[in-house]
Protein backbone atom coordinates (compact mmCIF):
# COMPACT_ATOMS: atom_id res chain seq x y z
CA MET A 1 -21.32 33.53 39.51
CA LYS A 2 -20.34 29.87 39.45
CA SER A 3 -17.82 27.97 37.38
CA HIS A 4 -18.92 24.68 35.80
CA ASP A 5 -16.55 22.04 34.40
CA LEU A 6 -18.31 20.27 31.52
CA LYS A 7 -17.47 17.61 28.95
CA CYS A 8 -17.69 18.73 25.33
CA TRP A 9 -17.45 16.39 22.32
CA PRO A 10 -14.88 17.31 19.62
CA ASP A 11 -17.28 18.52 16.88
CA TYR A 12 -19.09 20.84 19.30
CA PHE A 13 -15.81 21.93 20.90
CA ASP A 14 -14.34 22.99 17.54
CA ALA A 15 -17.52 24.89 16.62
CA ILE A 16 -17.39 26.74 19.95
CA ARG A 17 -13.68 27.52 19.59
CA CYS A 18 -14.13 28.99 16.08
CA GLY A 19 -17.20 30.97 17.16
CA SER A 20 -19.86 29.36 14.96
CA LYS A 21 -21.63 27.73 17.94
CA ARG A 22 -22.64 30.37 20.48
CA PHE A 23 -25.12 28.39 22.53
CA GLU A 24 -25.24 25.34 24.77
CA LEU A 25 -28.20 23.05 25.29
CA ARG A 26 -27.78 21.24 28.60
CA ARG A 27 -29.67 19.41 31.29
CA ASN A 28 -30.05 22.08 33.97
CA ASP A 29 -28.82 19.87 36.78
CA ARG A 30 -26.32 22.50 37.94
CA ASP A 31 -28.66 25.49 38.26
CA PHE A 32 -26.97 27.42 35.44
CA ASN A 33 -27.39 31.21 35.53
CA THR A 34 -26.41 34.30 33.57
CA GLY A 35 -22.84 35.28 34.45
CA ASP A 36 -21.68 31.70 35.09
CA LEU A 37 -18.44 30.47 33.54
CA LEU A 38 -18.53 27.24 31.54
CA MET A 39 -15.20 25.44 31.40
CA LEU A 40 -15.67 23.16 28.40
CA HIS A 41 -13.22 20.26 28.44
CA GLU A 42 -12.92 18.45 25.11
CA TRP A 43 -13.89 14.79 25.60
CA ASP A 44 -13.17 12.09 23.03
CA PRO A 45 -16.05 9.58 23.15
CA GLU A 46 -14.02 6.97 21.24
CA THR A 47 -11.11 6.87 23.68
CA GLN A 48 -13.24 7.87 26.69
CA LYS A 49 -10.55 10.41 27.66
CA TYR A 50 -10.10 14.17 27.85
CA THR A 51 -7.94 15.62 25.07
CA GLY A 52 -6.50 18.38 27.26
CA ARG A 53 -8.11 21.22 25.30
CA ILE A 54 -10.27 23.63 27.31
CA ALA A 55 -12.48 26.53 26.24
CA GLY A 56 -13.90 28.99 28.75
CA ARG A 57 -17.20 30.62 27.84
CA TRP A 58 -19.52 32.90 29.81
CA VAL A 59 -23.29 32.51 30.00
CA SER A 60 -24.80 35.76 28.70
CA TYR A 61 -28.43 34.59 28.55
CA ILE A 62 -30.34 31.53 29.67
CA LEU A 63 -33.70 30.18 28.55
CA LYS A 64 -35.39 27.59 30.75
CA ASP A 65 -38.92 26.58 31.67
CA HIS A 66 -40.08 27.76 28.25
CA GLU A 67 -42.32 26.25 25.60
CA GLY A 68 -40.28 24.01 23.30
CA ILE A 69 -37.58 23.27 25.87
CA ALA A 70 -37.92 19.93 27.65
CA PRO A 71 -38.47 20.14 31.40
CA GLY A 72 -35.15 20.14 33.26
CA PHE A 73 -33.18 21.49 30.27
CA CYS A 74 -31.92 24.96 29.34
CA VAL A 75 -30.44 26.78 26.36
CA MET A 76 -27.60 29.15 27.18
CA SER A 77 -26.19 31.88 25.00
CA ILE A 78 -22.41 31.80 25.50
CA GLN A 79 -19.66 34.28 24.75
CA LYS A 80 -15.89 34.39 24.95
CA ASP A 81 -15.60 37.65 26.88
CA PRO A 82 -16.99 37.93 30.38
CA ILE A 83 -20.06 40.07 30.85
CA GLY A 84 -19.20 43.66 31.83
CA THR A 85 -15.44 43.14 31.76
CA ALA A 86 -14.49 44.20 28.23
CA PHE A 87 -11.39 46.01 29.50
CA LEU A 88 -9.92 43.21 31.62
CA THR A 89 -7.24 40.97 30.18
CA ILE A 90 -7.84 37.24 29.75
CA GLU A 91 -5.26 36.61 32.47
CA GLN A 92 -7.06 38.88 34.96
CA VAL A 93 -10.40 37.23 34.32
CA THR A 94 -9.12 33.67 34.53
CA TYR A 95 -7.19 34.47 37.70
CA GLU A 96 -10.20 36.06 39.40
CA SER A 97 -12.51 33.26 38.28
CA HIS A 98 -10.26 30.41 39.36
CA LYS A 99 -8.11 31.67 42.23
CA ALA A 100 -10.37 30.00 44.80
CA SER A 101 -9.89 26.60 43.18
CA GLY A 102 -6.23 27.19 42.31
CA SER A 103 -6.75 26.24 38.66
CA VAL A 104 -5.69 29.33 36.73
CA LEU A 105 -5.58 28.64 32.99
CA SER A 106 -2.96 29.75 30.54
CA ARG A 107 -3.97 32.12 27.75
CA GLN A 108 -3.73 29.28 25.19
CA GLN A 109 -6.06 27.05 27.24
CA TRP A 110 -8.56 29.88 27.61
CA LEU A 111 -8.75 30.64 23.90
């Protein structure tokens, strides 16, 4: 499992946060895989700055090298809860996922 820090524009960020957008279409330049953690940092294209809002989402399925998907791109199904850890708290998951980098998120940042 890897953690990926990614920019996310406000409209997409809000749709992910409310749960209506449960997929990500990305250039697969990071070798995304099932089980990876996407740290989506809201990016304002008008100000060219991060807003400070972050949403963590887990990759539960990935489709790449498939008809209809451009070469070098992938579509990832994403979910709020980590795969196979339904009984862990948000704090436990974020700590385990980020302790190596020292960037443990607060519960509000995670949600």
